[in-house]
Amino acid sequence: MGWRLQVINYCNAAGALVVGYENFSRLDAHRESVTRAVRGLLRGRVDFLADRNYCWFSLKADGRLQPAATDLDLYDANLVALPAERAEGISKMLAEKECA
């Protein structure tokens, strides 16, 4: 188990002890609001790099890249940003691997 997951589990356990089992749903609702706020901050990074001519890609299940939309309100994916001049070369390299 990774350290991040351990931290989350410890925070959940501490929160359950503080608020009690019957109020755990409130703690979960608060955690969701914090998550939405953090995602909103990340939205600014997507806009920042998109404005500077970066191309965004998401990862497919097999590890290949596919173009990702940059106009969404929320992102629930692993995204990769590449400068436009590098994106074309990466696309060609990926196409060569698919043909091989």
Protein backbone atom coordinates (compact mmCIF):
# COMPACT_ATOMS: atom_id res chain seq x y z
CA MET A 1 0.00 0.00 0.00
CA GLY A 2 1.40 3.37 -1.02
CA TRP A 3 2.07 6.15 1.45
CA ARG A 4 -0.67 8.36 0.00
CA LEU A 5 -3.29 5.68 0.51
CA GLN A 6 -2.03 5.12 4.04
CA VAL A 7 -2.37 8.84 4.79
CA ILE A 8 -5.93 8.82 3.42
CA ASN A 9 -6.82 5.76 5.50
CA TYR A 10 -5.35 7.29 8.67
CA CYS A 11 -7.23 10.55 8.05
CA ASN A 12 -10.46 8.62 7.49
CA ALA A 13 -9.95 6.65 10.70
CA ALA A 14 -9.14 9.80 12.71
CA GLY A 15 -12.11 11.60 11.22
CA ALA A 16 -14.43 8.70 12.07
CA LEU A 17 -13.18 8.79 15.65
CA VAL A 18 -13.75 12.54 15.90
CA VAL A 19 -17.17 12.82 14.23
CA GLY A 20 -18.48 9.36 15.06
CA TYR A 21 -19.85 6.70 12.78
CA GLU A 22 -23.30 8.29 12.49
CA ASN A 23 -21.81 11.54 11.12
CA PHE A 24 -19.22 9.95 8.83
CA SER A 25 -21.30 10.96 5.78
CA ARG A 26 -20.69 14.62 6.70
CA LEU A 27 -16.96 13.99 6.71
CA ASP A 28 -17.24 12.34 3.31
CA ALA A 29 -19.23 15.30 1.94
CA HIS A 30 -16.53 17.68 3.21
CA ARG A 31 -13.83 15.57 1.56
CA GLU A 32 -15.75 15.73 -1.73
CA SER A 33 -15.96 19.52 -1.53
CA VAL A 34 -12.21 19.73 -0.94
CA THR A 35 -11.61 17.40 -3.90
CA ARG A 36 -13.77 19.60 -6.14
CA ALA A 37 -11.81 22.69 -5.03
CA VAL A 38 -8.47 21.03 -5.83
CA ARG A 39 -9.75 19.93 -9.23
CA GLY A 40 -10.77 23.53 -9.86
CA LEU A 41 -7.20 24.62 -9.19
CA LEU A 42 -5.95 21.99 -11.62
CA ARG A 43 -8.38 23.32 -14.23
CA GLY A 44 -6.32 26.52 -14.18
CA ARG A 45 -3.19 24.54 -15.05
CA VAL A 46 -4.89 22.95 -18.04
CA ASP A 47 -5.94 26.39 -19.30
CA PHE A 48 -2.48 27.83 -18.60
CA LEU A 49 -0.68 25.19 -20.67
CA ALA A 50 -3.33 25.05 -23.40
CA ASP A 51 -2.92 28.81 -23.86
CA ARG A 52 0.81 28.24 -24.33
CA ASN A 53 0.33 25.83 -27.22
CA TYR A 54 0.56 22.55 -25.30
CA CYS A 55 -1.41 19.56 -26.52
CA TRP A 56 -3.21 17.41 -23.97
CA PHE A 57 -3.48 13.65 -24.19
CA SER A 58 -5.16 11.04 -22.05
CA LEU A 59 -3.88 7.53 -21.57
CA LYS A 60 -5.71 4.56 -23.03
CA ALA A 61 -5.87 1.27 -21.16
CA ASP A 62 -3.00 -0.11 -23.28
CA GLY A 63 -0.78 2.91 -22.50
CA ARG A 64 -1.19 4.71 -25.82
CA LEU A 65 -2.01 8.41 -25.98
CA GLN A 66 -5.21 9.87 -27.36
CA PRO A 67 -6.05 13.57 -27.72
CA ALA A 68 -7.95 14.97 -24.74
CA ALA A 69 -10.43 17.83 -24.67
CA THR A 70 -9.26 20.97 -22.87
CA ASP A 71 -12.66 22.63 -22.48
CA LEU A 72 -14.14 20.40 -19.77
CA ASP A 73 -15.19 21.66 -16.34
CA LEU A 74 -13.82 18.60 -14.54
CA TYR A 75 -11.07 16.18 -15.42
CA ASP A 76 -11.21 12.65 -14.10
CA ALA A 77 -8.34 11.13 -16.02
CA ASN A 78 -4.57 10.95 -16.17
CA LEU A 79 -3.51 13.62 -18.63
CA VAL A 80 -0.19 14.31 -20.33
CA ALA A 81 0.75 17.74 -21.67
CA LEU A 82 3.24 18.00 -24.51
CA PRO A 83 4.48 21.07 -26.37
CA ALA A 84 2.88 21.18 -29.81
CA GLU A 85 6.24 20.80 -31.55
CA ARG A 86 6.91 17.55 -29.62
CA ALA A 87 3.36 16.19 -29.93
CA GLU A 88 3.70 15.56 -33.66
CA GLY A 89 6.92 13.59 -33.20
CA ILE A 90 5.43 11.56 -30.37
CA SER A 91 2.36 10.79 -32.52
CA LYS A 92 4.58 9.57 -35.34
CA MET A 93 6.61 7.43 -32.95
CA LEU A 94 3.43 5.88 -31.54
CA ALA A 95 2.10 5.21 -35.04
CA GLU A 96 5.35 3.42 -35.95
CA LYS A 97 5.05 1.19 -32.88
CA GLU A 98 1.46 0.31 -33.81
CA CYS A 99 2.54 -0.76 -37.30
CA ALA A 100 5.48 -2.82 -36.04
